[in-house]
Structures are given as structure tokens and as C-alpha cells.
Amino acid sequence: MAASGKGRILVTGASSGIGRASALRLARAGYSVLAGVRNPADGEALRAQTDALQPVLLDVTRPDAIADAVAICGQSLSGLVSNAGIAVTGPVELVTLEAWRRQFEVNVIGFVAMTQALLPLLRRGQGRIVIVGSIAGRSALPGSAAYDASKYALEAIADALRMELHGEGIRVSLIEPGAVATPLWQKTLEDIDRLRERAAPEACARYAGLLASLRREAERSAGKAAPPDKVAEAVEHAMTARRPKARYVIGADAWFWLLLNVLGDRWRDRLILSQIHE
């Protein structure tokens, strides 16, 4: 990795989408970037883009992998961009407990584990923490309760952590994008197909309208989603600005969901359910 005067930043979940775009953008901005990936091939593809980036094999659910990443970071760190995450799709009743646990293990516990492990290095480097959340953390929808709940959890942790670290000068920012063009949408479609194959016929019939709506929305969102670099731009601002924002809402659709939340619960539910049953 080429030397950098701006310091070193670790980006988790850098294999694709927002994490990849953020890692490359920060490297272009002059940082030495440690790009956390689970697949060596993804790391090599990133490394071919710039010598300011070093791939690091990292699974945020494995303590040994976290310890190895901390050792690679050295004595101090200028920033942590926490992007690693998965999206579990399906009605509350049909999502297995194993899938629920996996959702929270990656999106929530993985973030906390990385933060706890890296805080000593961030203190030495007067670093920053940027959390890639989602507007889903403020506007839950039927059929994505597991994913939305994990993003709601990140909202709470980000608020608490921002205040806990305020006196130490470690800034904490939360990114709240709407639909972003990432592999998540294809995975969502695959999850829906697996649910249909696994669920009992009566369950499929009960949730037929919702599952069809989830598929339509995934296909629609994939077509109108913002490019990952739009989110990476906000990540860079949060990492470099003299006064970074506590929250960055990205995308017109994200603002739409926030405005929808102004309605009373009954009206909000009615509008959402009308789209499911269209």
C-alpha cells in the first residue's frame, strides 16, 4: 500500500456496492484504505484499481478475523466505515429464526464488535466512525421486518455512540440511503423465490399478495436506484468535513418515506397496504 499523509481508514463490506465505491473514493481522496472483503478475488479486483488500497479478508461475525484486521490497522486509525451487511426478506412468520439471528449477527453485532475492537486505535488517531444504515431504519415495511429492524437498531446505536464519544472528539455519522444500485436487489429476488419453495402451500397462499409486491418493488427499485458513488460521496463528506453531519439522507425516495412517517399510523398503513394489494 502506498504511503498516505491523510491516515488510514478501514471499510467493511467493500466487495461491492456502497462499500466498494466508498473504499475507492477514499483512496482517491488520499487515504490509505483497508478494504474488508470476504472473497480474495474481490480484494484483488479492488487492488487492481489503486495502490492506495489494501484488501483485508474480514468477516465481521468472526472474532479471529476481527483480531487479524485490527493487527493490520497498526497503532492508530483515521476512520471506520461500517458497511458490512445483509438483507433478509420475508414476512415475520416465514423468516426462520436462524435467518433472524444471522441478520442481527452481521448487521448489528458485527458492527458493535468492530467498533469495540477499533476504538482504541480511533482514539489514538482522533478518527471518525461512519455507519452505513438505511432509510429502512426509520420506515419499516411489510416483508422486510428483519432487515428494517437491524437498521432501526443501528439508528439507536449511532445516537448513543455519537453522544458517548462526543467528549473525545470522535465524530459519528449515520448514512441513510434509499434505494441504491447494489447486488442486494438480485439477492432479494432470490430470497423471495426460496421462501416460496420452502413455505407450506397454505403459507404461500396467505402471503401471495405480499410476496408478489416484494418482487415488484425489488424490480422497480433496482431500475430507479441511485448509483453507489452517490452514497460514497456522503461517506467522504462525513469522513473529511470539518463539521460532519450526524445524519445523511440520500435519495428522493428516502425523503418520501420520511414524509410518509408524518402521517398518522392508520393513514400510513393504509397507503402502504394499498400498494401491496394493487
C-alpha atoms as a PDB file:
ATOM      1  CA  MET A   1       0.000   0.000   0.000  1.00  0.00           C
ATOM      2  CA  ALA A   2       1.296   3.435  -0.901  1.00  0.00           C
ATOM      3  CA  ALA A   3       2.021   5.794   1.972  1.00  0.00           C
ATOM      4  CA  SER A   4      -0.588   8.475   2.659  1.00  0.00           C
ATOM      5  CA  GLY A   5      -0.467  11.682   4.664  1.00  0.00           C
ATOM      6  CA  LYS A   6      -4.191  11.583   5.385  1.00  0.00           C
ATOM      7  CA  GLY A   7      -4.167   8.464   7.501  1.00  0.00           C
ATOM      8  CA  ARG A   8      -5.662   5.018   7.332  1.00  0.00           C
ATOM      9  CA  ILE A   9      -9.344   4.049   7.072  1.00  0.00           C
ATOM     10  CA  LEU A  10     -10.934   0.610   7.356  1.00  0.00           C
ATOM     11  CA  VAL A  11     -14.014  -0.033   5.214  1.00  0.00           C
ATOM     12  CA  THR A  12     -16.044  -3.166   5.954  1.00  0.00           C
ATOM     13  CA  GLY A  13     -18.164  -4.873   3.306  1.00  0.00           C
ATOM     14  CA  ALA A  14     -16.036  -3.447   0.484  1.00  0.00           C
ATOM     15  CA  SER A  15     -16.588  -6.255  -2.029  1.00  0.00           C
ATOM     16  CA  SER A  16     -19.362  -4.480  -3.932  1.00  0.00           C
ATOM     17  CA  GLY A  17     -21.888  -1.677  -3.938  1.00  0.00           C
ATOM     18  CA  ILE A  18     -21.575   1.116  -1.378  1.00  0.00           C
ATOM     19  CA  GLY A  19     -18.560  -0.370   0.387  1.00  0.00           C
ATOM     20  CA  ARG A  20     -16.588  -0.770  -2.831  1.00  0.00           C
ATOM     21  CA  ALA A  21     -17.468   2.731  -4.041  1.00  0.00           C
ATOM     22  CA  SER A  22     -16.550   4.222  -0.651  1.00  0.00           C
ATOM     23  CA  ALA A  23     -13.224   2.400  -0.467  1.00  0.00           C
ATOM     24  CA  LEU A  24     -12.208   3.571  -3.941  1.00  0.00           C
ATOM     25  CA  ARG A  25     -13.410   7.129  -3.348  1.00  0.00           C
ATOM     26  CA  LEU A  26     -11.499   7.469  -0.076  1.00  0.00           C
ATOM     27  CA  ALA A  27      -8.394   6.011  -1.703  1.00  0.00           C
ATOM     28  CA  ARG A  28      -8.669   8.617  -4.477  1.00  0.00           C
ATOM     29  CA  ALA A  29      -9.021  11.285  -1.784  1.00  0.00           C
ATOM     30  CA  GLY A  30      -5.578  10.367  -0.487  1.00  0.00           C
ATOM     31  CA  TYR A  31      -6.288   7.940   2.354  1.00  0.00           C
ATOM     32  CA  SER A  32      -4.657   4.557   2.818  1.00  0.00           C
ATOM     33  CA  VAL A  33      -7.681   2.281   2.719  1.00  0.00           C
ATOM     34  CA  LEU A  34      -8.009  -1.165   4.226  1.00  0.00           C
ATOM     35  CA  ALA A  35     -10.863  -2.760   2.281  1.00  0.00           C
ATOM     36  CA  GLY A  36     -12.611  -5.559   4.151  1.00  0.00           C
ATOM     37  CA  VAL A  37     -13.733  -8.358   1.850  1.00  0.00           C
ATOM     38  CA  ARG A  38     -14.761 -11.975   2.356  1.00  0.00           C
ATOM     39  CA  ASN A  39     -13.618 -13.214  -1.047  1.00  0.00           C
ATOM     40  CA  PRO A  40      -9.945 -12.907  -2.115  1.00  0.00           C
ATOM     41  CA  ALA A  41     -10.985 -12.391  -5.746  1.00  0.00           C
ATOM     42  CA  ASP A  42     -12.990  -9.300  -4.767  1.00  0.00           C
ATOM     43  CA  GLY A  43      -9.941  -7.978  -2.968  1.00  0.00           C
ATOM     44  CA  GLU A  44      -7.730  -8.447  -5.992  1.00  0.00           C
ATOM     45  CA  ALA A  45     -10.249  -6.665  -8.206  1.00  0.00           C
ATOM     46  CA  LEU A  46     -10.176  -3.707  -5.824  1.00  0.00           C
ATOM     47  CA  ARG A  47      -6.404  -3.747  -5.504  1.00  0.00           C
ATOM     48  CA  ALA A  48      -6.067  -3.503  -9.270  1.00  0.00           C
ATOM     49  CA  GLN A  49      -7.794  -0.101  -9.144  1.00  0.00           C
ATOM     50  CA  THR A  50      -5.291   1.706  -6.908  1.00  0.00           C
ATOM     51  CA  ASP A  51      -2.149   1.139  -4.866  1.00  0.00           C
ATOM     52  CA  ALA A  52      -3.653   3.230  -2.049  1.00  0.00           C
ATOM     53  CA  LEU A  53      -5.885   0.320  -1.153  1.00  0.00           C
ATOM     54  CA  GLN A  54      -5.103  -2.937   0.642  1.00  0.00           C
ATOM     55  CA  PRO A  55      -7.645  -5.783   0.713  1.00  0.00           C
ATOM     56  CA  VAL A  56      -8.205  -7.402   4.105  1.00  0.00           C
ATOM     57  CA  LEU A  57     -10.063 -10.695   4.474  1.00  0.00           C
ATOM     58  CA  LEU A  58     -12.721  -9.834   7.028  1.00  0.00           C
ATOM     59  CA  ASP A  59     -15.887 -11.492   8.278  1.00  0.00           C
ATOM     60  CA  VAL A  60     -17.386  -9.224  10.959  1.00  0.00           C
ATOM     61  CA  THR A  61     -19.059 -12.209  12.662  1.00  0.00           C
ATOM     62  CA  ARG A  62     -15.715 -13.944  13.358  1.00  0.00           C
ATOM     63  CA  PRO A  63     -13.625 -12.730  16.337  1.00  0.00           C
ATOM     64  CA  ASP A  64     -10.412 -14.159  14.832  1.00  0.00           C
ATOM     65  CA  ALA A  65     -10.938 -12.259  11.579  1.00  0.00           C
ATOM     66  CA  ILE A  66     -11.638  -9.045  13.502  1.00  0.00           C
ATOM     67  CA  ALA A  67      -8.459  -9.527  15.553  1.00  0.00           C
ATOM     68  CA  ASP A  68      -6.421 -10.038  12.372  1.00  0.00           C
ATOM     69  CA  ALA A  69      -7.880  -6.856  10.851  1.00  0.00           C
ATOM     70  CA  VAL A  70      -7.073  -4.853  13.989  1.00  0.00           C
ATOM     71  CA  ALA A  71      -3.465  -6.068  13.834  1.00  0.00           C
ATOM     72  CA  ILE A  72      -3.181  -4.912  10.210  1.00  0.00           C
ATOM     73  CA  CYS A  73      -4.501  -1.454  11.122  1.00  0.00           C
ATOM     74  CA  GLY A  74      -1.349  -0.644  13.085  1.00  0.00           C
ATOM     75  CA  GLN A  75      -1.202   1.769  16.013  1.00  0.00           C
ATOM     76  CA  SER A  76      -3.900   4.244  15.019  1.00  0.00           C
ATOM     77  CA  LEU A  77      -6.804   4.693  12.640  1.00  0.00           C
ATOM     78  CA  SER A  78      -8.318   7.761  10.999  1.00  0.00           C
ATOM     79  CA  GLY A  79     -11.672   6.195  10.377  1.00  0.00           C
ATOM     80  CA  LEU A  80     -14.013   3.215  10.290  1.00  0.00           C
ATOM     81  CA  VAL A  81     -16.633   2.967   7.560  1.00  0.00           C
ATOM     82  CA  SER A  82     -19.039   0.268   8.712  1.00  0.00           C
ATOM     83  CA  ASN A  83     -20.849  -1.025   5.645  1.00  0.00           C
ATOM     84  CA  ALA A  84     -20.879  -4.827   6.013  1.00  0.00           C
ATOM     85  CA  GLY A  85     -24.437  -6.077   5.987  1.00  0.00           C
ATOM     86  CA  ILE A  86     -27.003  -8.481   4.577  1.00  0.00           C
ATOM     87  CA  ALA A  87     -30.712  -8.174   3.839  1.00  0.00           C
ATOM     88  CA  VAL A  88     -33.137 -10.906   4.861  1.00  0.00           C
ATOM     89  CA  THR A  89     -36.501 -10.683   3.096  1.00  0.00           C
ATOM     90  CA  GLY A  90     -39.871 -12.160   4.001  1.00  0.00           C
ATOM     91  CA  PRO A  91     -42.848 -11.920   6.354  1.00  0.00           C
ATOM     92  CA  VAL A  92     -42.118 -12.224  10.080  1.00  0.00           C
ATOM     93  CA  GLU A  93     -43.892 -15.587  10.216  1.00  0.00           C
ATOM     94  CA  LEU A  94     -41.934 -17.160   7.354  1.00  0.00           C
ATOM     95  CA  VAL A  95     -38.392 -15.961   8.072  1.00  0.00           C
ATOM     96  CA  THR A  96     -36.601 -18.681  10.025  1.00  0.00           C
ATOM     97  CA  LEU A  97     -35.133 -17.940  13.445  1.00  0.00           C
ATOM     98  CA  GLU A  98     -31.752 -18.856  12.029  1.00  0.00           C
ATOM     99  CA  ALA A  99     -32.155 -16.137   9.382  1.00  0.00           C
ATOM    100  CA  TRP A 100     -33.282 -13.622  12.013  1.00  0.00           C
ATOM    101  CA  ARG A 101     -30.178 -14.369  14.074  1.00  0.00           C
ATOM    102  CA  ARG A 102     -27.923 -14.122  11.041  1.00  0.00           C
ATOM    103  CA  GLN A 103     -29.460 -10.749  10.117  1.00  0.00           C
ATOM    104  CA  PHE A 104     -28.635  -9.271  13.503  1.00  0.00           C
ATOM    105  CA  GLU A 105     -25.300 -11.059  13.851  1.00  0.00           C
ATOM    106  CA  VAL A 106     -23.978  -9.404  10.684  1.00  0.00           C
ATOM    107  CA  ASN A 107     -25.698  -6.019  10.658  1.00  0.00           C
ATOM    108  CA  VAL A 108     -25.752  -5.202  14.365  1.00  0.00           C
ATOM    109  CA  ILE A 109     -23.454  -7.410  16.452  1.00  0.00           C
ATOM    110  CA  GLY A 110     -20.798  -7.328  13.725  1.00  0.00           C
ATOM    111  CA  PHE A 111     -20.800  -3.536  13.787  1.00  0.00           C
ATOM    112  CA  VAL A 112     -20.579  -3.416  17.574  1.00  0.00           C
ATOM    113  CA  ALA A 113     -17.741  -5.970  17.591  1.00  0.00           C
ATOM    114  CA  MET A 114     -15.746  -3.965  15.029  1.00  0.00           C
ATOM    115  CA  THR A 115     -16.359  -0.713  16.909  1.00  0.00           C
ATOM    116  CA  GLN A 116     -15.283  -2.138  20.259  1.00  0.00           C
ATOM    117  CA  ALA A 117     -12.144  -3.626  18.730  1.00  0.00           C
ATOM    118  CA  LEU A 118     -11.130  -0.460  16.870  1.00  0.00           C
ATOM    119  CA  LEU A 119     -11.998   2.282  19.359  1.00  0.00           C
ATOM    120  CA  PRO A 120      -8.515   2.286  20.968  1.00  0.00           C
ATOM    121  CA  LEU A 121      -6.975   2.884  17.511  1.00  0.00           C
ATOM    122  CA  LEU A 122      -9.589   5.504  16.628  1.00  0.00           C
ATOM    123  CA  ARG A 123      -8.832   7.361  19.863  1.00  0.00           C
ATOM    124  CA  ARG A 124      -5.136   7.483  19.026  1.00  0.00           C
ATOM    125  CA  GLY A 125      -5.882   8.702  15.515  1.00  0.00           C
ATOM    126  CA  GLN A 126      -8.700  11.097  16.505  1.00  0.00           C
ATOM    127  CA  GLY A 127     -10.668   9.134  13.944  1.00  0.00           C
ATOM    128  CA  ARG A 128     -14.279   9.060  12.834  1.00  0.00           C
ATOM    129  CA  ILE A 129     -16.965   6.401  12.563  1.00  0.00           C
ATOM    130  CA  VAL A 130     -19.295   6.372   9.561  1.00  0.00           C
ATOM    131  CA  ILE A 131     -22.163   3.883   9.698  1.00  0.00           C
ATOM    132  CA  VAL A 132     -23.967   2.904   6.521  1.00  0.00           C
ATOM    133  CA  GLY A 133     -27.546   2.444   7.645  1.00  0.00           C
ATOM    134  CA  SER A 134     -30.706   2.830   5.571  1.00  0.00           C
ATOM    135  CA  ILE A 135     -33.878   4.859   5.442  1.00  0.00           C
ATOM    136  CA  ALA A 136     -35.411   1.482   6.346  1.00  0.00           C
ATOM    137  CA  GLY A 137     -34.155   2.272   9.839  1.00  0.00           C
ATOM    138  CA  ARG A 138     -36.833   4.925  10.090  1.00  0.00           C
ATOM    139  CA  SER A 139     -39.615   3.463   7.977  1.00  0.00           C
ATOM    140  CA  ALA A 140     -40.308  -0.260   8.292  1.00  0.00           C
ATOM    141  CA  LEU A 141     -42.310  -2.039   5.621  1.00  0.00           C
ATOM    142  CA  PRO A 142     -44.183  -5.369   5.490  1.00  0.00           C
ATOM    143  CA  GLY A 143     -41.992  -8.168   4.200  1.00  0.00           C
ATOM    144  CA  SER A 144     -38.679  -6.688   5.345  1.00  0.00           C
ATOM    145  CA  ALA A 145     -39.051  -6.672   9.122  1.00  0.00           C
ATOM    146  CA  ALA A 146     -35.760  -8.469   9.825  1.00  0.00           C
ATOM    147  CA  TYR A 147     -33.673  -6.106   7.706  1.00  0.00           C
ATOM    148  CA  ASP A 148     -35.558  -2.995   8.824  1.00  0.00           C
ATOM    149  CA  ALA A 149     -35.249  -3.977  12.481  1.00  0.00           C
ATOM    150  CA  SER A 150     -31.487  -4.329  12.121  1.00  0.00           C
ATOM    151  CA  LYS A 151     -31.318  -0.836  10.615  1.00  0.00           C
ATOM    152  CA  TYR A 152     -33.529   0.556  13.388  1.00  0.00           C
ATOM    153  CA  ALA A 153     -31.017  -0.930  15.832  1.00  0.00           C
ATOM    154  CA  LEU A 154     -28.164   0.879  14.082  1.00  0.00           C
ATOM    155  CA  GLU A 155     -30.091   4.145  14.447  1.00  0.00           C
ATOM    156  CA  ALA A 156     -30.221   3.667  18.221  1.00  0.00           C
ATOM    157  CA  ILE A 157     -26.584   2.619  18.485  1.00  0.00           C
ATOM    158  CA  ALA A 158     -25.443   5.542  16.325  1.00  0.00           C
ATOM    159  CA  ASP A 159     -27.320   8.042  18.509  1.00  0.00           C
ATOM    160  CA  ALA A 160     -25.922   6.629  21.735  1.00  0.00           C
ATOM    161  CA  LEU A 161     -22.391   6.221  20.392  1.00  0.00           C
ATOM    162  CA  ARG A 162     -22.321   9.764  18.986  1.00  0.00           C
ATOM    163  CA  MET A 163     -23.025  11.173  22.433  1.00  0.00           C
ATOM    164  CA  GLU A 164     -20.799   8.715  24.297  1.00  0.00           C
ATOM    165  CA  LEU A 165     -17.785   9.699  22.186  1.00  0.00           C
ATOM    166  CA  HIS A 166     -18.571  13.408  21.905  1.00  0.00           C
ATOM    167  CA  GLY A 167     -16.110  14.435  24.616  1.00  0.00           C
ATOM    168  CA  GLU A 168     -13.289  12.527  22.942  1.00  0.00           C
ATOM    169  CA  GLY A 169     -13.635  14.247  19.586  1.00  0.00           C
ATOM    170  CA  ILE A 170     -14.573  11.067  17.704  1.00  0.00           C
ATOM    171  CA  ARG A 171     -17.331  12.031  15.272  1.00  0.00           C
ATOM    172  CA  VAL A 172     -20.064   9.511  14.470  1.00  0.00           C
ATOM    173  CA  SER A 173     -22.196   9.872  11.328  1.00  0.00           C
ATOM    174  CA  LEU A 174     -25.035   7.727  10.034  1.00  0.00           C
ATOM    175  CA  ILE A 175     -25.759   7.391   6.308  1.00  0.00           C
ATOM    176  CA  GLU A 176     -29.443   6.785   5.469  1.00  0.00           C
ATOM    177  CA  PRO A 177     -29.796   5.994   1.759  1.00  0.00           C
ATOM    178  CA  GLY A 178     -32.929   4.966  -0.050  1.00  0.00           C
ATOM    179  CA  ALA A 179     -32.677   2.523  -2.948  1.00  0.00           C
ATOM    180  CA  VAL A 180     -29.088   2.090  -4.178  1.00  0.00           C
ATOM    181  CA  ALA A 181     -27.929   0.093  -7.193  1.00  0.00           C
ATOM    182  CA  THR A 182     -26.241  -2.852  -5.480  1.00  0.00           C
ATOM    183  CA  PRO A 183     -26.416  -6.671  -5.705  1.00  0.00           C
ATOM    184  CA  LEU A 184     -28.924  -6.535  -2.820  1.00  0.00           C
ATOM    185  CA  TRP A 185     -31.889  -6.376  -5.211  1.00  0.00           C
ATOM    186  CA  GLN A 186     -30.969  -9.597  -7.018  1.00  0.00           C
ATOM    187  CA  LYS A 187     -30.448 -11.285  -3.657  1.00  0.00           C
ATOM    188  CA  THR A 188     -33.874 -10.072  -2.580  1.00  0.00           C
ATOM    189  CA  LEU A 189     -35.479 -11.692  -5.620  1.00  0.00           C
ATOM    190  CA  GLU A 190     -33.637 -14.941  -4.861  1.00  0.00           C
ATOM    191  CA  ASP A 191     -34.795 -14.811  -1.215  1.00  0.00           C
ATOM    192  CA  ILE A 192     -38.420 -14.468  -2.326  1.00  0.00           C
ATOM    193  CA  ASP A 193     -38.092 -17.476  -4.627  1.00  0.00           C
ATOM    194  CA  ARG A 194     -36.546 -19.557  -1.824  1.00  0.00           C
ATOM    195  CA  LEU A 195     -39.351 -18.587   0.541  1.00  0.00           C
ATOM    196  CA  ARG A 196     -41.932 -19.770  -1.957  1.00  0.00           C
ATOM    197  CA  GLU A 197     -40.126 -23.081  -2.395  1.00  0.00           C
ATOM    198  CA  ARG A 198     -39.724 -23.704   1.331  1.00  0.00           C
ATOM    199  CA  ALA A 199     -43.030 -22.477   2.724  1.00  0.00           C
ATOM    200  CA  ALA A 200     -46.096 -24.655   3.048  1.00  0.00           C
ATOM    201  CA  PRO A 201     -48.721 -24.152   0.320  1.00  0.00           C
ATOM    202  CA  GLU A 202     -51.174 -22.510   2.725  1.00  0.00           C
ATOM    203  CA  ALA A 203     -48.491 -20.035   3.850  1.00  0.00           C
ATOM    204  CA  CYS A 204     -47.685 -19.167   0.241  1.00  0.00           C
ATOM    205  CA  ALA A 205     -51.348 -18.574  -0.403  1.00  0.00           C
ATOM    206  CA  ARG A 206     -51.709 -16.439   2.718  1.00  0.00           C
ATOM    207  CA  TYR A 207     -48.811 -14.179   1.758  1.00  0.00           C
ATOM    208  CA  ALA A 208     -49.165 -14.381  -2.033  1.00  0.00           C
ATOM    209  CA  GLY A 209     -50.045 -10.708  -2.401  1.00  0.00           C
ATOM    210  CA  LEU A 210     -47.186  -9.552  -0.200  1.00  0.00           C
ATOM    211  CA  LEU A 211     -44.594 -11.771  -1.903  1.00  0.00           C
ATOM    212  CA  ALA A 212     -45.716 -10.562  -5.329  1.00  0.00           C
ATOM    213  CA  SER A 213     -45.494  -6.969  -4.102  1.00  0.00           C
ATOM    214  CA  LEU A 214     -41.975  -7.552  -2.731  1.00  0.00           C
ATOM    215  CA  ARG A 215     -40.883  -8.868  -6.107  1.00  0.00           C
ATOM    216  CA  ARG A 216     -42.419  -5.904  -7.958  1.00  0.00           C
ATOM    217  CA  GLU A 217     -40.831  -3.409  -5.594  1.00  0.00           C
ATOM    218  CA  ALA A 218     -37.396  -5.063  -5.796  1.00  0.00           C
ATOM    219  CA  GLU A 219     -37.512  -4.944  -9.602  1.00  0.00           C
ATOM    220  CA  ARG A 220     -38.783  -1.354  -9.549  1.00  0.00           C
ATOM    221  CA  SER A 221     -36.176  -0.204  -7.025  1.00  0.00           C
ATOM    222  CA  ALA A 222     -33.352  -1.835  -8.959  1.00  0.00           C
ATOM    223  CA  GLY A 223     -34.369   0.180 -12.010  1.00  0.00           C
ATOM    224  CA  LYS A 224     -34.526   3.586 -10.302  1.00  0.00           C
ATOM    225  CA  ALA A 225     -31.841   3.123  -7.635  1.00  0.00           C
ATOM    226  CA  ALA A 226     -29.155   5.737  -7.073  1.00  0.00           C
ATOM    227  CA  PRO A 227     -25.556   4.869  -8.003  1.00  0.00           C
ATOM    228  CA  PRO A 228     -23.370   3.693  -5.102  1.00  0.00           C
ATOM    229  CA  ASP A 229     -20.989   6.604  -5.633  1.00  0.00           C
ATOM    230  CA  LYS A 230     -23.774   8.977  -4.564  1.00  0.00           C
ATOM    231  CA  VAL A 231     -23.657   7.359  -1.140  1.00  0.00           C
ATOM    232  CA  ALA A 232     -19.851   7.199  -1.223  1.00  0.00           C
ATOM    233  CA  GLU A 233     -19.856  10.968  -1.705  1.00  0.00           C
ATOM    234  CA  ALA A 234     -21.705  11.339   1.601  1.00  0.00           C
ATOM    235  CA  VAL A 235     -19.314   8.880   3.257  1.00  0.00           C
ATOM    236  CA  GLU A 236     -16.375  11.014   2.123  1.00  0.00           C
ATOM    237  CA  HIS A 237     -18.015  14.182   3.455  1.00  0.00           C
ATOM    238  CA  ALA A 238     -18.675  12.527   6.813  1.00  0.00           C
ATOM    239  CA  MET A 239     -15.056  11.417   6.972  1.00  0.00           C
ATOM    240  CA  THR A 240     -13.431  14.681   5.854  1.00  0.00           C
ATOM    241  CA  ALA A 241     -15.677  17.677   6.613  1.00  0.00           C
ATOM    242  CA  ARG A 242     -14.729  19.975   9.466  1.00  0.00           C
ATOM    243  CA  ARG A 243     -18.284  19.653  10.774  1.00  0.00           C
ATOM    244  CA  PRO A 244     -19.764  16.378   9.527  1.00  0.00           C
ATOM    245  CA  LYS A 245     -23.495  15.799   9.801  1.00  0.00           C
ATOM    246  CA  ALA A 246     -24.952  13.387  12.309  1.00  0.00           C
ATOM    247  CA  ARG A 247     -27.198  12.000   9.525  1.00  0.00           C
ATOM    248  CA  TYR A 248     -27.065  11.969   5.741  1.00  0.00           C
ATOM    249  CA  VAL A 249     -30.352  11.189   3.976  1.00  0.00           C
ATOM    250  CA  ILE A 250     -29.634  10.106   0.386  1.00  0.00           C
ATOM    251  CA  GLY A 251     -32.186   9.914  -2.429  1.00  0.00           C
ATOM    252  CA  ALA A 252     -35.617  11.341  -3.223  1.00  0.00           C
ATOM    253  CA  ASP A 253     -37.254   8.057  -2.235  1.00  0.00           C
ATOM    254  CA  ALA A 254     -35.648   8.279   1.198  1.00  0.00           C
ATOM    255  CA  TRP A 255     -37.189  11.714   1.748  1.00  0.00           C
ATOM    256  CA  PHE A 256     -40.540  10.357   0.569  1.00  0.00           C
ATOM    257  CA  TRP A 257     -40.523   7.710   3.300  1.00  0.00           C
ATOM    258  CA  LEU A 258     -39.626  10.291   5.925  1.00  0.00           C
ATOM    259  CA  LEU A 259     -42.522  12.476   4.804  1.00  0.00           C
ATOM    260  CA  LEU A 260     -44.848   9.482   4.852  1.00  0.00           C
ATOM    261  CA  ASN A 261     -43.972   8.989   8.508  1.00  0.00           C
ATOM    262  CA  VAL A 262     -45.515  12.369   9.288  1.00  0.00           C
ATOM    263  CA  LEU A 263     -48.925  10.798   8.691  1.00  0.00           C
ATOM    264  CA  GLY A 264     -50.759   9.047  11.469  1.00  0.00           C
ATOM    265  CA  ASP A 265     -50.150   5.310  11.660  1.00  0.00           C
ATOM    266  CA  ARG A 266     -53.557   4.349  10.254  1.00  0.00           C
ATOM    267  CA  TRP A 267     -53.183   6.580   7.199  1.00  0.00           C
ATOM    268  CA  ARG A 268     -49.613   5.462   6.648  1.00  0.00           C
ATOM    269  CA  ASP A 269     -50.596   1.792   6.889  1.00  0.00           C
ATOM    270  CA  ARG A 270     -53.500   2.335   4.514  1.00  0.00           C
ATOM    271  CA  LEU A 271     -51.293   3.922   1.857  1.00  0.00           C
ATOM    272  CA  ILE A 272     -48.643   1.202   2.070  1.00  0.00           C
ATOM    273  CA  LEU A 273     -51.176  -1.636   2.055  1.00  0.00           C
ATOM    274  CA  SER A 274     -52.913  -0.125  -0.958  1.00  0.00           C
ATOM    275  CA  GLN A 275     -49.662  -0.572  -2.920  1.00  0.00           C
ATOM    276  CA  ILE A 276     -49.351  -4.212  -1.822  1.00  0.00           C
ATOM    277  CA  HIS A 277     -52.863  -5.029  -2.961  1.00  0.00           C
ATOM    278  CA  GLU A 278     -52.782  -3.006  -6.190  1.00  0.00           C
END
